[in-house]
Protein backbone atom coordinates (compact mmCIF):
# COMPACT_ATOMS: atom_id res chain seq x y z
CA MET A 1 92.77 120.91 175.12
CA SER A 2 89.67 120.34 172.90
CA ALA A 3 90.29 119.40 169.08
CA GLN A 4 91.29 122.07 166.89
CA VAL A 5 90.80 122.55 163.13
CA TRP A 6 94.01 123.63 161.69
CA THR A 7 94.31 126.51 159.17
CA ARG A 8 94.96 125.27 155.78
CA PRO A 9 97.38 126.92 153.22
CA ASP A 10 96.40 128.98 150.26
CA LEU A 11 97.05 126.48 147.30
CA SER A 12 94.84 127.90 144.68
CA ARG A 13 97.91 127.85 142.03
CA GLN A 14 98.98 124.46 142.76
CA PRO A 15 95.68 121.90 142.44
CA HIS A 16 97.72 119.17 143.05
CA LEU A 17 99.22 119.95 146.03
CA LYS A 18 96.04 121.45 147.28
CA ASP A 19 94.50 118.09 146.78
CA LEU A 20 97.35 116.56 148.99
CA ASN A 21 97.03 118.69 151.72
CA ASP A 22 93.25 118.64 151.47
CA SER A 23 93.34 115.02 151.48
CA LEU A 24 95.80 115.25 154.34
CA HIS A 25 93.30 117.36 156.41
CA GLU A 26 90.64 115.05 156.02
CA LEU A 27 92.60 112.11 157.09
CA ARG A 28 93.20 113.96 160.19
CA LEU A 29 89.40 114.59 160.45
CA ASN A 30 88.63 111.17 160.07
CA ALA A 31 91.00 110.46 163.17
CA GLY A 32 89.16 112.78 165.42
CA LEU A 33 91.63 115.71 165.40
CA PRO A 34 94.28 114.38 167.00
CA SER A 35 96.94 117.15 168.11
CA ALA A 36 100.42 117.57 166.33
CA ARG A 37 102.07 116.24 169.47
CA GLY A 38 99.34 113.64 169.42
CA ILE A 39 100.58 112.31 166.15
CA ARG A 40 104.38 112.76 167.01
CA ASP A 41 103.88 110.55 169.73
CA ARG A 42 101.96 108.25 167.39
CA ILE A 43 105.08 107.84 165.38
CA GLY A 44 107.37 107.40 168.40
CA LYS A 45 111.18 107.66 169.39
CA ASP A 46 114.16 106.45 167.66
CA THR A 47 116.42 103.83 169.38
CA GLN A 48 118.29 106.83 170.86
CA ASN A 49 115.21 107.78 172.49
CA PHE A 50 114.60 111.04 170.39
CA TYR A 51 111.12 111.56 168.65
CA ILE A 52 111.12 110.68 164.73
CA VAL A 53 109.25 113.74 163.91
CA ASN A 54 108.91 116.42 166.21
CA HIS A 55 105.55 118.48 166.74
CA GLN A 56 106.56 121.60 164.60
CA ALA A 57 107.64 119.72 161.50
CA ILE A 58 104.14 117.96 161.76
CA LEU A 59 102.43 121.10 161.89
CA ASP A 60 104.48 122.24 158.86
CA VAL A 61 103.09 119.87 156.64
CA PHE A 62 99.91 120.55 157.48
CA GLN A 63 99.83 124.74 157.20
CA LYS A 64 102.92 125.70 154.97
CA PRO A 65 102.47 126.22 151.54
CA ASP A 66 105.27 124.00 150.67
CA LEU A 67 105.58 120.12 149.13
CA PRO A 68 106.27 117.86 152.22
CA GLN A 69 109.08 115.16 152.42
CA LEU A 70 107.62 112.18 151.07
CA ALA A 71 109.04 110.20 154.56
CA ARG A 72 107.54 112.32 156.91
CA LEU A 73 104.23 112.50 155.11
CA ASP A 74 104.59 109.14 154.77
CA LEU A 75 104.95 108.73 158.67
CA ILE A 76 101.88 111.17 159.17
CA VAL A 77 99.89 109.27 157.13
CA ARG A 78 100.40 105.82 158.76
CA ALA A 79 99.73 107.09 162.15
CA LEU A 80 96.77 108.75 161.13
CA SER A 81 95.39 105.59 159.46
CA GLU A 82 96.03 103.69 162.26
CA ILE A 83 94.10 105.86 164.78
CA ALA A 84 91.06 106.62 162.13
CA ARG A 85 91.48 102.61 161.55
CA HIS A 86 91.88 102.87 157.76
CA ASP A 87 93.99 100.27 155.52
CA GLU A 88 97.40 101.60 156.49
CA ASP A 89 99.11 100.55 153.24
CA ALA A 90 96.14 101.67 151.19
CA THR A 91 96.66 104.85 152.43
CA ALA A 92 99.95 105.46 152.57
CA ASP A 93 99.90 104.36 148.48
CA ARG A 94 97.14 106.86 147.75
CA PHE A 95 99.21 109.63 149.42
CA ASP A 96 102.39 108.58 147.57
CA GLY A 97 100.49 108.93 144.30
CA LEU A 98 99.17 112.12 145.21
CA TRP A 99 102.77 113.25 146.44
CA LYS A 100 104.29 112.61 143.04
CA LEU A 101 101.64 114.70 140.80
CA ALA A 102 102.27 117.69 143.40
CA ALA A 103 106.32 117.00 143.21
CA SER A 104 105.67 117.05 139.21
CA GLU A 105 103.46 120.38 139.18
CA ALA A 106 106.13 121.82 141.61
CA VAL A 107 108.54 121.15 139.04
CA THR A 108 106.92 122.58 136.36
CA GLN A 109 105.68 125.60 137.70
CA ALA A 110 109.19 126.26 138.88
CA HIS A 111 110.66 126.00 135.13
CA THR A 112 108.00 127.79 133.75
CA GLY A 113 108.51 130.38 135.97
CA VAL A 114 104.66 130.93 137.53
CA PRO A 115 104.88 133.86 139.72
CA ASP A 116 103.11 134.77 142.76
CA ASP A 117 101.84 138.39 143.31
CA ALA A 118 104.67 139.50 145.30
CA THR A 119 107.36 138.07 142.92
CA ALA A 120 105.05 139.83 139.79
CA GLN A 121 105.29 143.11 141.57
CA ASP A 122 109.38 143.09 142.12
CA GLU A 123 109.89 141.41 138.66
CA ASP A 124 111.56 144.25 137.09
CA ALA A 125 113.73 144.53 139.85
CA GLU A 126 114.69 141.34 139.52
CA ASP A 127 116.22 141.56 136.31
CA ASP A 128 118.84 143.73 137.76
CA ALA A 129 120.01 141.38 140.07
CA PRO A 130 123.24 139.03 139.62
CA GLY A 131 122.75 135.84 138.31
CA ASP A 132 119.67 133.91 138.03
CA LEU A 133 117.91 133.56 141.79
CA SER A 134 115.03 131.64 140.80
CA LEU A 135 117.74 128.60 140.08
CA GLU A 136 118.92 128.20 143.94
CA PRO A 137 115.37 127.15 144.97
CA LEU A 138 114.69 125.20 141.88
CA LYS A 139 117.96 123.25 142.51
CA ALA A 140 116.91 122.99 146.26
CA LEU A 141 113.23 121.46 145.29
CA ILE A 142 114.91 119.14 142.83
CA ILE A 143 116.97 117.97 145.77
CA ASN A 144 114.23 117.70 148.49
CA ALA A 145 112.08 115.61 145.72
CA ALA A 146 114.98 113.35 144.88
CA GLN A 147 116.00 112.73 148.57
CA SER A 148 112.24 111.88 149.40
CA LEU A 149 112.28 109.23 146.51
CA TRP A 150 115.43 108.01 147.14
CA ASP A 151 114.03 104.47 148.26
CA ASP A 152 111.37 104.15 145.49
CA LYS A 153 114.11 103.65 142.66
CA ASP A 154 111.42 103.84 139.95
CA ALA A 155 109.55 106.88 140.84
CA LEU A 156 112.68 108.56 140.68
CA ARG A 157 114.10 107.59 137.54
CA VAL A 158 110.31 108.89 136.00
CA PHE A 159 110.67 111.93 138.36
CA LEU A 160 114.16 112.69 137.19
CA GLY A 161 113.22 112.12 133.66
CA VAL A 162 110.91 114.76 134.06
CA VAL A 163 113.18 117.06 135.21
CA ARG A 164 115.54 116.43 132.02
CA ARG A 165 112.88 117.13 129.92
CA SER A 166 111.77 120.26 131.28
CA GLU A 167 112.37 123.61 129.70
CA GLY A 168 115.06 125.70 130.86
CA PHE A 169 116.91 122.51 132.15
CA ALA A 170 120.12 123.33 129.95
CA LYS A 171 120.28 126.54 131.51
CA MET A 172 120.14 125.51 135.09
CA ALA A 173 122.48 122.70 134.28
CA ASP A 174 125.44 125.50 132.57
CA ALA A 175 124.11 128.15 135.47
CA LEU A 176 124.98 125.75 138.41
CA GLU A 177 128.13 123.12 136.64
CA GLU A 178 129.32 125.73 134.88
CA HIS A 179 132.94 124.01 134.74
CA ARG A 180 131.57 119.92 134.20
CA PRO A 181 128.58 117.89 133.05
CA ALA A 182 125.73 117.08 135.29
CA ASN A 183 127.36 114.07 137.36
CA ALA A 184 126.02 111.73 139.95
CA THR A 185 126.06 114.20 142.57
CA PHE A 186 124.48 116.97 141.13
CA TYR A 187 120.89 116.75 142.56
CA GLY A 188 122.27 115.87 146.19
CA VAL A 189 121.59 111.84 145.85
CA GLN A 190 124.72 109.54 144.79
CA SER A 191 121.96 108.16 141.86
CA HIS A 192 123.17 105.85 139.12
CA GLU A 193 120.45 107.97 137.52
CA PHE A 194 123.01 110.61 136.40
CA SER A 195 126.11 108.30 135.57
CA VAL A 196 126.72 105.54 132.89
CA ALA A 197 124.42 102.49 134.20
CA ASN A 198 125.52 98.94 133.87
CA SER A 199 125.09 97.61 130.45
CA SER A 200 126.33 95.19 127.35
CA ALA A 201 128.51 98.41 126.26
CA ARG A 202 129.37 99.87 129.38
CA SER A 203 133.30 99.87 129.25
CA GLU A 204 132.72 101.72 125.62
CA LEU A 205 130.16 103.98 126.52
CA VAL A 206 132.49 104.86 129.80
CA ALA A 207 135.32 105.84 127.56
CA LEU A 208 133.31 107.49 125.07
CA HIS A 209 131.82 109.69 127.81
CA ARG A 210 135.14 110.48 129.22
CA ILE A 211 136.98 111.76 126.01
CA LEU A 212 133.81 113.94 125.27
CA ARG A 213 134.00 115.21 129.15
CA THR A 214 138.25 116.29 128.47
CA HIS A 215 137.50 118.07 125.71
CA ARG A 216 134.50 119.41 126.84
CA LEU A 217 136.34 120.82 129.90
CA LYS A 218 139.26 122.21 127.63
CA ASN A 219 137.17 124.23 125.65
CA ARG A 220 135.31 125.28 128.92
CA TRP A 221 131.99 124.73 127.02
CA SER A 222 128.83 124.60 128.97
CA PHE A 223 125.90 122.44 127.57
CA THR A 224 124.31 125.71 125.57
CA ASP A 225 127.83 126.37 124.39
CA MET A 226 127.62 122.39 122.93
CA GLU A 227 124.85 123.26 121.02
CA HIS A 228 126.17 126.52 119.59
CA GLU A 229 129.42 124.60 118.42
CA THR A 230 127.92 121.86 116.93
CA ARG A 231 124.42 122.26 116.63
CA ILE A 232 123.07 119.55 118.43
CA SER A 233 121.01 120.25 121.03
CA ALA A 234 122.10 121.22 124.80
CA HIS A 235 119.23 118.75 125.96
CA ARG A 236 120.50 115.71 123.70
CA TRP A 237 123.90 116.47 124.98
CA ILE A 238 122.37 116.25 128.49
CA ARG A 239 120.76 113.07 127.93
CA TRP A 240 123.44 111.35 126.43
CA TYR A 241 125.63 112.73 129.75
CA THR A 242 123.39 111.24 131.64
CA LEU A 243 121.76 108.03 130.48
CA ASP A 244 122.85 104.90 129.20
CA GLU A 245 122.48 105.96 125.59
CA LEU A 246 124.93 105.78 122.90
CA PRO A 247 124.99 109.73 121.03
CA ASP A 248 124.21 110.17 117.39
CA ARG A 249 127.79 109.43 115.15
CA GLU A 250 126.73 112.87 113.23
CA ALA A 251 126.81 114.43 116.85
CA LEU A 252 130.22 112.91 117.48
CA ILE A 253 131.64 114.07 114.13
CA ALA A 254 130.45 117.48 115.07
CA PHE A 255 132.07 117.48 118.44
CA SER A 256 135.26 116.36 116.26
CA ASN A 257 135.42 119.25 114.41
CA ALA A 258 134.45 121.93 116.64
CA ALA A 259 136.89 120.53 119.17
CA ARG A 260 139.64 120.41 116.28
CA LEU A 261 140.61 116.86 118.00
CA GLN A 262 143.55 115.18 116.47
CA LEU A 263 143.42 112.51 114.60
CA GLU A 264 143.99 109.86 117.13
CA ASP A 265 141.52 111.14 119.40
CA ARG A 266 138.63 111.33 116.70
CA THR A 267 139.75 107.66 115.61
CA MET A 268 139.26 106.40 118.97
CA MET A 269 136.40 107.80 119.75
CA LEU A 270 134.74 106.60 116.54
CA GLY A 271 136.05 103.53 117.44
CA LEU A 272 134.44 103.27 120.70
CA TRP A 273 131.13 104.39 118.77
CA ASN A 274 130.97 101.62 116.44
CA ALA A 275 132.27 99.03 119.84
CA ALA A 276 129.23 100.34 121.54
CA ARG A 277 126.77 100.12 118.95
CA GLU A 278 128.07 96.37 118.06
CA ASN A 279 127.59 95.40 121.68
CA LEU A 280 124.17 97.30 122.23
CA GLY A 281 123.20 95.22 119.08
CA TRP A 282 123.68 92.36 121.52
CA ARG A 283 121.30 93.10 123.89
CA ALA A 284 118.69 93.87 121.24
CA ARG A 285 118.61 90.76 119.73
CA LEU A 286 117.96 88.92 122.75
CA GLU A 287 115.17 91.59 123.73
CA ALA A 288 113.54 90.81 120.11
CA LEU A 289 113.11 87.50 121.26
CA PRO A 290 109.44 86.47 122.11
CA SER A 291 108.88 86.72 126.09
CA SER A 292 107.37 82.76 125.98
CA ILE A 293 106.96 80.34 124.02
CA GLY A 294 105.69 76.44 123.99
CA PHE A 295 107.74 73.22 122.66
CA ASP A 296 104.73 71.84 120.31
CA GLU A 297 104.42 75.55 119.01
CA ALA A 298 108.81 75.74 118.37
CA TRP A 299 108.69 71.90 117.60
CA GLU A 300 106.34 72.96 114.35
CA MET A 301 109.25 74.97 113.32
CA ARG A 302 111.75 72.90 112.97
CA PRO A 303 113.29 72.12 109.50
CA SER A 304 111.68 69.97 107.05
CA THR A 305 114.88 68.36 106.45
CA ALA A 306 115.68 67.52 109.92
CA SER A 307 117.20 64.14 111.04
CA ARG A 308 116.23 62.18 113.67
CA LEU A 309 119.38 63.18 115.93
CA TRP A 310 118.40 66.67 114.99
CA VAL A 311 117.19 68.52 118.44
CA LEU A 312 115.87 71.76 119.33
CA ALA A 313 117.78 74.49 121.08
CA GLY A 314 115.49 77.31 120.86
CA VAL A 315 114.11 80.06 118.26
CA GLY A 316 115.47 82.91 116.84
CA GLY A 317 116.03 84.49 113.67
CA ASP A 318 113.90 86.95 111.22
CA PRO A 319 111.95 85.10 110.39
CA LEU A 320 111.41 83.23 113.57
CA ALA A 321 112.46 79.80 113.36
CA ALA A 322 113.62 76.51 115.20
CA HIS A 323 117.39 75.85 115.29
CA GLY A 324 119.45 73.37 116.77
CA PRO A 325 122.62 70.82 116.01
CA ASP A 326 122.65 67.65 114.01
CA LEU A 327 124.45 65.21 116.43
CA ALA A 328 124.75 63.00 113.31
CA THR A 329 127.20 65.50 112.31
CA GLY A 330 130.25 67.97 113.00
CA THR A 331 133.53 67.51 114.63
CA VAL A 332 132.42 65.78 117.81
CA PRO A 333 129.17 64.09 118.60
CA ALA A 334 128.52 66.60 121.48
CA PHE A 335 126.10 69.52 122.21
CA THR A 336 127.13 71.75 125.17
CA ILE A 337 124.64 74.20 127.33
CA ALA A 338 126.10 76.24 129.72
CA GLY A 339 125.01 78.87 132.36
CA PRO A 340 124.78 80.07 135.66
CA ALA A 341 122.21 78.96 137.99
CA GLY A 342 118.61 80.16 137.21
CA SER A 343 119.82 81.16 133.61
CA GLY A 344 117.35 78.25 132.29
CA ARG A 345 119.97 75.60 131.54
CA SER A 346 118.11 72.87 133.04
CA THR A 347 114.94 74.07 131.06
CA ALA A 348 117.42 74.18 127.84
CA LEU A 349 118.26 70.49 128.33
CA THR A 350 114.63 69.27 129.01
CA THR A 351 113.76 70.93 125.59
CA VAL A 352 116.61 69.08 123.99
CA ALA A 353 115.56 65.64 125.75
CA ARG A 354 111.93 65.82 124.70
CA SER A 355 112.75 66.92 121.02
CA LEU A 356 115.21 63.55 120.64
CA MET A 357 112.11 61.88 122.22
CA ALA A 358 109.99 63.05 119.55
CA GLY A 359 112.07 62.13 116.92
CA GLY A 360 111.93 58.20 118.51
CA VAL A 361 115.61 58.54 119.76
CA ARG A 362 116.58 56.32 122.73
CA ILE A 363 118.27 58.54 125.77
CA LEU A 364 119.77 57.63 128.63
CA LEU A 365 119.19 60.38 131.38
CA ILE A 366 122.25 61.07 134.16
CA ALA A 367 120.66 64.10 136.98
CA PRO A 368 123.32 63.85 139.53
CA ARG A 369 121.55 66.61 141.00
CA PRO A 370 117.93 67.54 141.29
CA SER A 371 116.78 68.48 137.92
CA PRO A 372 113.52 68.75 135.62
CA LEU A 373 115.22 65.90 133.41
CA ARG A 374 114.58 63.79 135.79
CA ALA A 375 110.77 63.71 135.57
CA LEU A 376 111.04 62.11 131.74
CA ALA A 377 112.42 59.02 133.27
CA GLY A 378 109.63 56.10 132.15
CA GLN A 379 108.42 58.33 129.18
CA GLY A 380 109.12 57.18 125.46
CA SER A 381 111.95 56.42 124.63
CA VAL A 382 114.02 57.14 127.68
CA MET A 383 116.45 54.00 128.66
CA GLY A 384 117.00 55.19 132.25
CA CYS A 385 118.12 57.94 134.63
CA ILE A 386 121.11 57.77 136.52
CA ASP A 387 120.57 60.23 139.41
CA ARG A 388 123.42 59.86 141.78
CA LYS A 389 126.80 60.84 141.07
CA ASP A 390 128.68 57.74 142.04
CA PHE A 391 126.96 55.62 139.39
CA GLU A 392 129.74 52.75 137.79
CA ARG A 393 130.88 52.41 134.22
CA ARG A 394 128.90 49.66 133.61
CA GLU A 395 125.92 51.32 134.03
CA VAL A 396 126.57 53.20 131.25
CA GLU A 397 128.09 50.85 129.15
CA GLU A 398 125.20 48.76 128.93
CA ALA A 399 123.19 51.67 127.28
CA LEU A 400 125.96 52.39 125.14
CA ASP A 401 126.42 48.96 123.73
CA THR A 402 123.05 48.59 122.28
CA ALA A 403 123.76 51.68 119.91
CA THR A 404 124.18 51.48 116.20
CA ARG A 405 124.20 54.24 113.93
CA GLU A 406 120.53 52.98 112.85
CA ASP A 407 119.19 52.88 116.05
CA PRO A 408 121.52 55.43 117.94
CA VAL A 409 121.88 56.27 121.93
CA VAL A 410 122.22 59.89 123.24
CA ILE A 411 123.49 60.71 126.71
CA VAL A 412 121.22 63.33 127.86
CA MET A 413 123.34 64.75 131.25
CA ASP A 414 122.53 67.71 133.75
CA ASP A 415 125.08 69.35 135.94
CA ALA A 416 128.08 67.86 133.77
CA GLU A 417 130.65 69.96 136.30
CA VAL A 418 129.78 67.31 139.10
CA LEU A 419 130.76 64.44 136.73
CA ALA A 420 134.41 65.53 136.01
CA ASP A 421 136.16 62.53 138.14
CA SER A 422 132.85 59.95 137.59
CA GLY A 423 133.67 56.44 137.16
CA ALA A 424 132.54 56.92 133.51
CA SER A 425 134.74 59.15 132.70
CA SER A 426 137.06 57.07 130.36
CA VAL A 427 133.52 56.03 128.66
CA LEU A 428 132.26 59.28 128.16
CA ARG A 429 135.68 60.13 126.78
CA HIS A 430 135.24 57.28 124.15
CA LEU A 431 132.15 58.35 122.87
CA LEU A 432 133.57 61.81 122.22
CA LEU A 433 135.96 60.47 120.50
CA HIS A 434 133.96 57.51 118.33
CA GLY A 435 130.64 58.17 118.93
CA PHE A 436 129.83 58.55 115.23
CA ASP A 437 131.02 55.38 114.01
CA GLU A 438 128.99 53.75 117.08
CA GLY A 439 125.95 55.48 116.87
CA THR A 440 126.27 57.38 120.20
CA ALA A 441 126.20 61.12 121.12
CA LEU A 442 126.29 63.34 124.13
CA VAL A 443 124.34 66.53 125.20
CA ALA A 444 125.41 68.15 128.44
CA ALA A 445 124.43 70.81 130.50
CA GLY A 446 126.59 72.44 133.34
CA GLU A 447 127.69 75.52 135.05
CA GLU A 448 129.66 77.66 132.90
CA GLN A 449 132.67 78.71 134.91
CA ALA A 450 132.98 75.30 136.19
CA LEU A 451 133.53 73.96 132.66
CA ASP A 452 135.48 76.08 131.59
CA GLN A 453 138.16 75.17 134.07
CA SER A 454 137.89 71.61 133.79
CA LEU A 455 140.74 69.95 133.00
CA LYS A 456 138.85 66.29 132.86
CA TRP A 457 137.23 64.48 129.77
CA LEU A 458 134.29 67.39 130.10
CA SER A 459 137.34 69.84 128.39
CA GLU A 460 136.76 67.23 125.01
CA LEU A 461 133.35 68.80 124.60
CA THR A 462 134.85 72.14 123.25
CA LYS A 463 136.03 70.14 120.41
CA ALA A 464 132.72 69.98 119.24
CA HIS A 465 132.56 73.84 118.53
CA ARG A 466 128.84 73.92 119.18
CA GLY A 467 126.56 74.73 122.22
CA LEU A 468 124.13 77.13 123.80
CA LEU A 469 125.41 79.78 126.03
CA LEU A 470 122.76 81.28 128.59
CA ALA A 471 123.56 84.36 130.52
CA PRO A 472 127.35 84.53 129.94
CA GLN A 473 129.21 85.50 132.93
CA VAL A 474 132.82 86.40 131.05
CA PRO A 475 133.69 87.83 127.75
CA THR A 476 135.32 84.71 126.80
CA SER A 477 132.44 82.46 127.52
CA GLY A 478 132.25 81.74 123.96
CA ARG A 479 135.29 79.37 123.89
CA LEU A 480 132.90 76.77 125.65
CA ILE A 481 130.59 76.88 122.49
CA GLY A 482 133.39 77.15 119.69
CA SER A 483 133.08 80.85 119.25
CA ALA A 484 136.30 82.14 120.95
CA SER A 485 136.66 84.32 118.07
CA VAL A 486 133.29 86.24 119.09
CA ARG A 487 133.81 88.56 121.85
CA LEU A 488 130.45 88.57 124.05
CA SER A 489 130.11 91.85 125.52
CA SER A 490 127.02 91.51 126.95
CA VAL A 491 128.12 89.77 130.35
CA SER A 492 126.50 89.98 133.82
CA ASP A 493 123.66 91.16 131.72
CA ARG A 494 120.69 89.25 133.68
CA SER A 495 118.49 88.92 130.77
CA ALA A 496 115.32 86.57 131.42
CA PRO A 497 116.23 83.28 131.89
CA GLY A 498 115.95 80.86 129.08
CA ARG A 499 117.63 83.53 126.11
CA GLY A 500 121.03 82.96 124.97
CA TRP A 501 123.36 82.64 122.30
CA LEU A 502 123.56 79.38 120.01
CA HIS A 503 126.17 78.50 117.95
CA LEU A 504 126.38 75.83 115.42
CA GLY A 505 129.90 75.48 114.01
CA GLU A 506 129.80 77.94 111.52
CA GLY A 507 131.32 81.24 113.33
CA THR A 508 128.23 83.11 114.01
CA LEU A 509 126.01 83.30 116.92
CA LEU A 510 122.22 83.39 116.99
CA ALA A 511 120.40 85.14 119.67
CA VAL A 512 117.62 82.11 120.55
CA ALA A 513 114.91 82.22 123.02
CA VAL A 514 114.69 78.31 124.68
CA PRO A 515 110.95 77.02 124.53
CA ARG A 516 108.90 75.84 127.63
CA SER A 517 109.43 72.28 128.69
CA SER A 518 105.61 72.41 129.25
């Protein structure tokens, strides 16, 4: 059979979809005008020997005036690119962009009710029809688009954001979800975009939304009803329901008054709001920190009155300044750096070591596992580096015996949890008890949970009541650095490595960024 040029649909009112369709026909032309069955064969069969896309579905993509499924379009584009010897990935990316423009265009036109000629002729008749018949095809369009974008989470988020902001969304949500708010399955996909996302205030937001939902259903309010009752727009209520955002306090008060909540429910709701705002504040303080800062720049920010045993732990505050403990003062001559793997723990410890070296303080490095700390061996005032777990007590004693209050020695230790049963345990415990008198101190870094569970000499570290906590894993992690009274709710929040909470024994936590070690 000779090659055929296929009929193109009339897409004059949908310029983005027309661009997509025209580009697809042009790609087929470049591939030598293969037949639908030829494209089908190129795409191939699945494991059960069925064609992945049948030839009629391929014809529909080219000839129907509808937005094609993105996954199906991608298969066709890649098959044609292979035949035409084009860059397959680059061509697929170009069509992906064209499809997204066409999808946004389709949603916008559906919301604004752009009619075709046949629809315009029957407009008066539709006014008498029960319900809003345009809602179902609009919902179907959104389902189709969302499912096609399911593997591209960023594109899905953008697309659903456009949908929510479109005119008429509140009306559609009321009509299709009359007795409950839009939820995770509203668009036919299990999308976290339509549930409360994991955040530093997840538990509070979930509980707050539960109270709102309970009384909304009790009063049988639609989003439009909520707008009338509270004077807060339906779009804002929908946004608060579907995004990880905290409602305005004034909106909650208006809802409480409209729903005539009992004092107990009103108090609980506002209490949850206060807790959520505080916990979101933890995250905001981390995000306000500089994304990157070098050691030299941070070192210039140190206090002018800093002693030789002052160490740089991080930069933070407003105005931005360098912060850290003075190992010559406090309750115990120690400082703890805790965090999971990949949190920037070793980088923070290296920064501490470099600040001590900058002050001419003698340091003994202990790194039983591979660590950036080992790279400092042989430099400046570094007395030595113990790079194994099974070292002897005398190796530490020999360094500490030379310490005086005028010429101190500080042990800088990485992966401290590995050394809980070290042969030098008694020496290290003695240091924590008598270091101020003998001119010795310890800075130890380790895995958060392992340090927290240790009953060996490591448990003495908490008596210093100061430390740096990176990416805390549980709300009670603050006790490791002496701030057990402060509940860290921003747990499991995978912030950028090298950002954490500094406690210097004063009862407050400071968000800091750890300088780069190089």
